[in-house]
Amino acid sequence: MWIVRHRKVGFLMVTVFALVVAGCATQPRAGSSHLPGFLMGLLHGFLILFSLIGSFFMDVRIYAFPNAGRWYDLGYFLGASMFLGGGGAAGRR
């Protein structure tokens, strides 16, 4: 019984921490020379679920605009695929 309680508390702490970290994210200005590239796209793709939940309560986007173009898109796609399980989850049947 105490193991279940500790897991719930641990899950709650991780969720609150992720929401606080996602809440600190900012969008770059349109005239900025430091646009998000591949690595930021990978990070944003990996945090897609937390960004989506945060967008319901705050002014948070799940996709950075403006960005560096196709490299950002590739990183975003790979990060979202890793976090959401990709196509490999369906092949385990």
Protein backbone atom coordinates (compact mmCIF):
# COMPACT_ATOMS: atom_id res chain seq x y z
CA MET A 1 0.00 0.00 0.00
CA TRP A 2 2.79 2.44 0.86
CA ILE A 3 4.54 1.66 -2.47
CA VAL A 4 1.49 2.82 -4.42
CA ARG A 5 1.34 6.00 -2.35
CA HIS A 6 5.03 6.74 -2.98
CA ARG A 7 4.61 6.17 -6.71
CA LYS A 8 1.70 8.60 -6.82
CA VAL A 9 3.69 11.22 -4.95
CA GLY A 10 6.70 10.67 -7.22
CA PHE A 11 4.56 10.93 -10.35
CA LEU A 12 2.95 14.12 -9.03
CA MET A 13 6.34 15.66 -8.26
CA VAL A 14 7.71 14.85 -11.73
CA THR A 15 4.57 16.24 -13.39
CA VAL A 16 4.70 19.49 -11.41
CA PHE A 17 8.42 19.86 -12.15
CA ALA A 18 7.84 19.33 -15.90
CA LEU A 19 5.04 21.91 -15.95
CA VAL A 20 7.18 24.46 -14.12
CA VAL A 21 10.07 23.92 -16.53
CA ALA A 22 7.75 24.12 -19.56
CA GLY A 23 6.26 27.33 -18.15
CA CYS A 24 9.65 29.03 -18.31
CA ALA A 25 9.93 28.54 -22.08
CA THR A 26 9.76 31.63 -24.29
CA GLN A 27 9.33 32.16 -28.01
CA PRO A 28 12.14 33.89 -29.92
CA ARG A 29 11.52 37.32 -31.40
CA ALA A 30 10.89 37.48 -35.14
CA GLY A 31 14.01 39.56 -35.84
CA SER A 32 16.31 37.38 -33.75
CA SER A 33 19.47 35.91 -35.25
CA HIS A 34 19.39 32.94 -32.86
CA LEU A 35 16.53 30.89 -34.26
CA PRO A 36 15.83 27.41 -32.85
CA GLY A 37 17.54 24.68 -34.86
CA PHE A 38 17.72 20.89 -34.79
CA LEU A 39 18.49 20.42 -31.08
CA MET A 40 15.76 22.81 -29.94
CA GLY A 41 13.36 21.07 -32.32
CA LEU A 42 14.32 17.74 -30.76
CA LEU A 43 13.69 19.14 -27.27
CA HIS A 44 10.38 20.75 -28.27
CA GLY A 45 9.24 17.51 -29.91
CA PHE A 46 10.13 15.54 -26.79
CA LEU A 47 8.16 17.99 -24.61
CA ILE A 48 5.13 18.05 -26.92
CA LEU A 49 2.68 16.61 -24.39
CA PHE A 50 3.70 19.01 -21.60
CA SER A 51 3.53 21.96 -24.00
CA LEU A 52 0.07 20.90 -25.14
CA ILE A 53 -1.22 20.70 -21.57
CA GLY A 54 0.43 24.04 -20.73
CA SER A 55 -1.21 25.66 -23.76
CA PHE A 56 -4.63 25.08 -22.21
CA PHE A 57 -3.74 27.25 -19.22
CA MET A 58 -1.07 29.67 -20.48
CA ASP A 59 0.08 31.30 -23.70
CA VAL A 60 2.42 28.47 -24.72
CA ARG A 61 2.93 27.12 -28.23
CA ILE A 62 3.91 23.53 -28.96
CA TYR A 63 5.91 24.61 -32.03
CA ALA A 64 8.49 27.41 -32.15
CA PHE A 65 7.84 30.14 -34.67
CA PRO A 66 9.95 31.47 -36.28
CA ASN A 67 12.46 28.63 -36.50
CA ALA A 68 15.44 27.60 -38.61
CA GLY A 69 13.33 25.64 -41.11
CA ARG A 70 13.70 22.01 -42.12
CA TRP A 71 16.34 21.16 -39.50
CA TYR A 72 14.00 22.32 -36.74
CA ASP A 73 11.17 20.32 -38.34
CA LEU A 74 13.31 17.17 -38.48
CA GLY A 75 14.33 17.54 -34.83
CA TYR A 76 10.73 18.20 -33.80
CA PHE A 77 9.54 15.11 -35.67
CA LEU A 78 12.24 12.88 -34.16
CA GLY A 79 11.63 14.20 -30.64
CA ALA A 80 7.87 13.71 -30.87
CA SER A 81 8.40 10.23 -32.32
CA MET A 82 10.69 9.26 -29.46
CA PHE A 83 8.34 10.58 -26.79
CA LEU A 84 5.11 9.25 -28.28
CA GLY A 85 6.55 5.82 -29.11
CA GLY A 86 6.92 6.09 -32.88
CA GLY A 87 5.64 3.22 -34.99
CA GLY A 88 7.39 0.54 -32.97
CA ALA A 89 4.67 0.43 -30.31
CA ALA A 90 2.14 -0.89 -32.81
CA GLY A 91 4.48 -3.62 -34.04
CA ARG A 92 4.67 -5.46 -30.71
CA ARG A 93 1.42 -7.34 -31.14
